[in-house]
């Protein structure tokens, strides 16, 4: 699984660095280092007013924040790996 986090200027201002940190921590806590590749990406083209854009394989998710991160990770990463 490849997870790309937008680090373009808009998402950067909305906290992409924090989402990257949360992803790194979640991958480590769930022992998924060999199953997930984390990458940064410049604009994915789905800018949203709130939150960061994250692409999981071919699916684009918008509006990811620290508040909804756990739900996003469980639904779009853990559920698809297990």
N, C-alpha and C. Protein backbone atom coordinates (compact mmCIF):
# COMPACT_ATOMS: atom_id res chain seq x y z
N UNK A 1 0.85 -1.17 0.00
CA UNK A 1 0.00 0.00 0.00
C UNK A 1 0.89 1.24 0.00
N UNK A 2 0.54 2.18 -0.84
CA UNK A 2 1.28 3.46 -0.90
C UNK A 2 0.36 4.56 -0.41
N UNK A 3 0.85 5.31 0.57
CA UNK A 3 0.10 6.44 1.11
C UNK A 3 0.90 7.70 0.81
N UNK A 4 0.29 8.61 0.07
CA UNK A 4 0.93 9.87 -0.27
C UNK A 4 0.20 11.01 0.43
N UNK A 5 0.96 11.85 1.09
CA UNK A 5 0.40 13.01 1.78
C UNK A 5 0.78 14.25 0.99
N UNK A 6 -0.19 15.07 0.66
CA UNK A 6 0.10 16.32 -0.03
C UNK A 6 0.90 17.23 0.89
N UNK A 7 2.01 17.72 0.39
CA UNK A 7 2.83 18.67 1.14
C UNK A 7 2.95 19.99 0.37
N UNK A 8 2.02 20.19 -0.56
CA UNK A 8 1.98 21.45 -1.30
C UNK A 8 1.64 22.59 -0.36
N UNK A 9 1.73 23.80 -0.84
CA UNK A 9 1.60 24.97 0.04
C UNK A 9 0.26 25.01 0.78
N UNK A 10 -0.84 24.69 0.12
CA UNK A 10 -2.15 24.74 0.77
C UNK A 10 -2.24 23.71 1.89
N UNK A 11 -1.88 22.46 1.60
CA UNK A 11 -1.95 21.42 2.63
C UNK A 11 -0.90 21.63 3.72
N UNK A 12 0.24 22.18 3.33
CA UNK A 12 1.26 22.49 4.34
C UNK A 12 0.71 23.45 5.39
N UNK A 13 0.00 24.47 4.92
CA UNK A 13 -0.58 25.44 5.84
C UNK A 13 -1.69 24.83 6.69
N UNK A 14 -2.30 23.76 6.21
CA UNK A 14 -3.39 23.11 6.94
C UNK A 14 -2.91 21.96 7.82
N UNK A 15 -1.59 21.75 7.90
CA UNK A 15 -1.06 20.77 8.85
C UNK A 15 -0.57 19.46 8.28
N UNK A 16 -0.10 19.45 7.05
CA UNK A 16 0.36 18.19 6.47
C UNK A 16 1.52 17.57 7.26
N UNK A 17 2.38 18.39 7.84
CA UNK A 17 3.50 17.84 8.62
C UNK A 17 2.97 17.04 9.81
N UNK A 18 1.93 17.52 10.43
CA UNK A 18 1.33 16.81 11.56
C UNK A 18 0.68 15.50 11.11
N UNK A 19 0.05 15.50 9.94
CA UNK A 19 -0.56 14.28 9.41
C UNK A 19 0.53 13.26 9.09
N UNK A 20 1.65 13.72 8.55
CA UNK A 20 2.78 12.82 8.27
C UNK A 20 3.25 12.17 9.57
N UNK A 21 3.40 12.96 10.62
CA UNK A 21 3.83 12.42 11.92
C UNK A 21 2.83 11.40 12.45
N UNK A 22 1.54 11.70 12.36
CA UNK A 22 0.51 10.77 12.81
C UNK A 22 0.56 9.47 12.01
N UNK A 23 0.77 9.57 10.71
CA UNK A 23 0.87 8.38 9.88
C UNK A 23 2.08 7.54 10.26
N UNK A 24 3.22 8.19 10.43
CA UNK A 24 4.43 7.45 10.81
C UNK A 24 4.22 6.70 12.12
N UNK A 25 3.63 7.37 13.08
CA UNK A 25 3.37 6.76 14.38
C UNK A 25 2.38 5.60 14.26
N UNK A 26 1.30 5.79 13.52
CA UNK A 26 0.29 4.74 13.35
C UNK A 26 0.86 3.53 12.64
N UNK A 27 1.68 3.75 11.63
CA UNK A 27 2.30 2.63 10.91
C UNK A 27 3.20 1.85 11.86
N UNK A 28 4.00 2.54 12.64
CA UNK A 28 4.89 1.87 13.61
C UNK A 28 4.09 1.12 14.67
N UNK A 29 3.07 1.76 15.25
CA UNK A 29 2.27 1.15 16.31
C UNK A 29 1.55 -0.11 15.84
N UNK A 30 1.19 -0.15 14.56
CA UNK A 30 0.48 -1.31 14.01
C UNK A 30 1.42 -2.28 13.28
N UNK A 31 2.73 -2.03 13.38
CA UNK A 31 3.76 -2.90 12.79
C UNK A 31 3.53 -3.13 11.30
N UNK A 32 3.29 -2.04 10.58
CA UNK A 32 2.99 -2.11 9.16
C UNK A 32 4.13 -1.59 8.29
N UNK A 33 5.31 -1.47 8.85
CA UNK A 33 6.44 -0.89 8.13
C UNK A 33 6.73 -1.62 6.82
N UNK A 34 6.51 -2.92 6.77
CA UNK A 34 6.80 -3.70 5.56
C UNK A 34 5.63 -3.73 4.58
N UNK A 35 4.50 -3.16 4.98
CA UNK A 35 3.31 -3.22 4.12
C UNK A 35 2.91 -1.87 3.55
N UNK A 36 3.43 -0.79 4.14
CA UNK A 36 3.03 0.56 3.73
C UNK A 36 4.26 1.39 3.37
N UNK A 37 4.15 2.08 2.26
CA UNK A 37 5.16 3.05 1.85
C UNK A 37 4.55 4.42 2.02
N UNK A 38 5.19 5.27 2.83
CA UNK A 38 4.73 6.64 3.02
C UNK A 38 5.53 7.55 2.11
N UNK A 39 4.84 8.49 1.48
CA UNK A 39 5.50 9.41 0.57
C UNK A 39 4.83 10.78 0.64
N UNK A 40 5.60 11.78 0.31
CA UNK A 40 5.06 13.12 0.18
C UNK A 40 4.75 13.38 -1.28
N UNK A 41 3.81 14.26 -1.53
CA UNK A 41 3.44 14.59 -2.89
C UNK A 41 3.10 16.07 -2.95
N UNK A 42 3.47 16.70 -4.05
CA UNK A 42 2.99 18.05 -4.22
C UNK A 42 1.54 17.98 -4.65
N UNK A 43 0.91 19.05 -4.88
CA UNK A 43 -0.55 19.13 -5.04
C UNK A 43 -1.14 17.95 -5.79
N UNK A 44 -2.09 17.30 -5.13
CA UNK A 44 -2.80 16.16 -5.71
C UNK A 44 -4.00 16.67 -6.51
N UNK A 45 -4.32 17.94 -6.35
CA UNK A 45 -5.38 18.55 -7.16
C UNK A 45 -6.77 18.48 -6.57
N UNK A 46 -6.88 18.16 -5.31
CA UNK A 46 -8.18 18.07 -4.66
C UNK A 46 -8.21 18.94 -3.41
N UNK A 47 -7.73 20.15 -3.52
CA UNK A 47 -7.67 21.05 -2.37
C UNK A 47 -9.04 21.22 -1.74
N UNK A 48 -9.05 21.31 -0.44
CA UNK A 48 -10.27 21.45 0.33
C UNK A 48 -10.06 22.60 1.31
N UNK A 49 -11.13 23.17 1.78
CA UNK A 49 -11.01 24.29 2.72
C UNK A 49 -10.44 23.84 4.06
N UNK A 50 -10.73 22.60 4.44
CA UNK A 50 -10.31 22.09 5.74
C UNK A 50 -9.46 20.85 5.52
N UNK A 51 -8.37 20.76 6.25
CA UNK A 51 -7.58 19.54 6.27
C UNK A 51 -6.68 19.31 5.08
N UNK A 52 -6.07 18.14 5.12
CA UNK A 52 -5.01 17.75 4.20
C UNK A 52 -5.54 16.69 3.25
N UNK A 53 -5.01 16.66 2.02
CA UNK A 53 -5.36 15.64 1.05
C UNK A 53 -4.37 14.49 1.16
N UNK A 54 -4.91 13.26 1.24
CA UNK A 54 -4.09 12.07 1.35
C UNK A 54 -4.58 11.06 0.31
N UNK A 55 -3.63 10.47 -0.41
CA UNK A 55 -3.97 9.46 -1.40
C UNK A 55 -3.50 8.10 -0.87
N UNK A 56 -4.44 7.15 -0.82
CA UNK A 56 -4.14 5.78 -0.41
C UNK A 56 -4.31 4.92 -1.65
N UNK A 57 -3.19 4.43 -2.18
CA UNK A 57 -3.17 3.75 -3.47
C UNK A 57 -3.86 4.66 -4.49
N UNK A 58 -5.01 4.28 -5.03
CA UNK A 58 -5.66 5.10 -6.07
C UNK A 58 -6.80 5.95 -5.54
N UNK A 59 -7.07 5.89 -4.22
CA UNK A 59 -8.18 6.64 -3.65
C UNK A 59 -7.68 7.93 -3.01
N UNK A 60 -8.35 9.04 -3.34
CA UNK A 60 -7.98 10.34 -2.80
C UNK A 60 -8.97 10.71 -1.70
N UNK A 61 -8.43 11.11 -0.56
CA UNK A 61 -9.23 11.51 0.60
C UNK A 61 -8.88 12.95 0.94
N UNK A 62 -9.89 13.77 1.13
CA UNK A 62 -9.66 15.18 1.45
C UNK A 62 -10.15 15.49 2.86
N UNK A 63 -9.62 16.56 3.42
CA UNK A 63 -10.09 17.03 4.72
C UNK A 63 -9.57 16.24 5.90
N UNK A 64 -8.40 15.65 5.78
CA UNK A 64 -7.85 14.87 6.89
C UNK A 64 -7.22 15.84 7.90
N UNK A 65 -7.66 15.71 9.14
CA UNK A 65 -7.16 16.55 10.23
C UNK A 65 -6.72 15.65 11.38
N UNK A 66 -6.08 16.25 12.36
CA UNK A 66 -5.68 15.44 13.52
C UNK A 66 -6.91 14.91 14.26
N UNK A 67 -8.01 15.64 14.17
CA UNK A 67 -9.24 15.22 14.85
C UNK A 67 -9.89 14.00 14.19
N UNK A 68 -9.82 13.90 12.87
CA UNK A 68 -10.46 12.76 12.20
C UNK A 68 -9.44 11.73 11.70
N UNK A 69 -8.18 11.91 12.07
CA UNK A 69 -7.13 11.02 11.57
C UNK A 69 -7.36 9.56 11.94
N UNK A 70 -7.69 9.29 13.18
CA UNK A 70 -7.83 7.91 13.64
C UNK A 70 -8.93 7.19 12.84
N UNK A 71 -10.05 7.85 12.64
CA UNK A 71 -11.13 7.27 11.86
C UNK A 71 -10.68 7.01 10.42
N UNK A 72 -10.01 8.00 9.82
CA UNK A 72 -9.47 7.85 8.47
C UNK A 72 -8.53 6.66 8.39
N UNK A 73 -7.60 6.56 9.33
CA UNK A 73 -6.60 5.48 9.29
C UNK A 73 -7.27 4.12 9.45
N UNK A 74 -8.18 4.01 10.39
CA UNK A 74 -8.86 2.73 10.61
C UNK A 74 -9.65 2.29 9.38
N UNK A 75 -10.41 3.21 8.79
CA UNK A 75 -11.28 2.87 7.66
C UNK A 75 -10.52 2.65 6.36
N UNK A 76 -9.51 3.47 6.12
CA UNK A 76 -8.88 3.48 4.79
C UNK A 76 -7.52 2.81 4.73
N UNK A 77 -6.99 2.45 5.88
CA UNK A 77 -5.71 1.76 5.89
C UNK A 77 -5.85 0.39 6.57
N UNK A 78 -6.18 0.38 7.83
CA UNK A 78 -6.27 -0.89 8.56
C UNK A 78 -7.30 -1.84 7.96
N UNK A 79 -8.47 -1.34 7.63
CA UNK A 79 -9.52 -2.20 7.07
C UNK A 79 -9.13 -2.79 5.72
N UNK A 80 -8.24 -2.12 5.00
CA UNK A 80 -7.86 -2.61 3.68
C UNK A 80 -6.64 -3.51 3.72
N UNK A 81 -5.91 -3.48 4.80
CA UNK A 81 -4.74 -4.35 4.93
C UNK A 81 -5.14 -5.67 5.57
N UNK A 82 -6.03 -5.61 6.53
CA UNK A 82 -6.42 -6.83 7.27
C UNK A 82 -7.49 -7.62 6.56
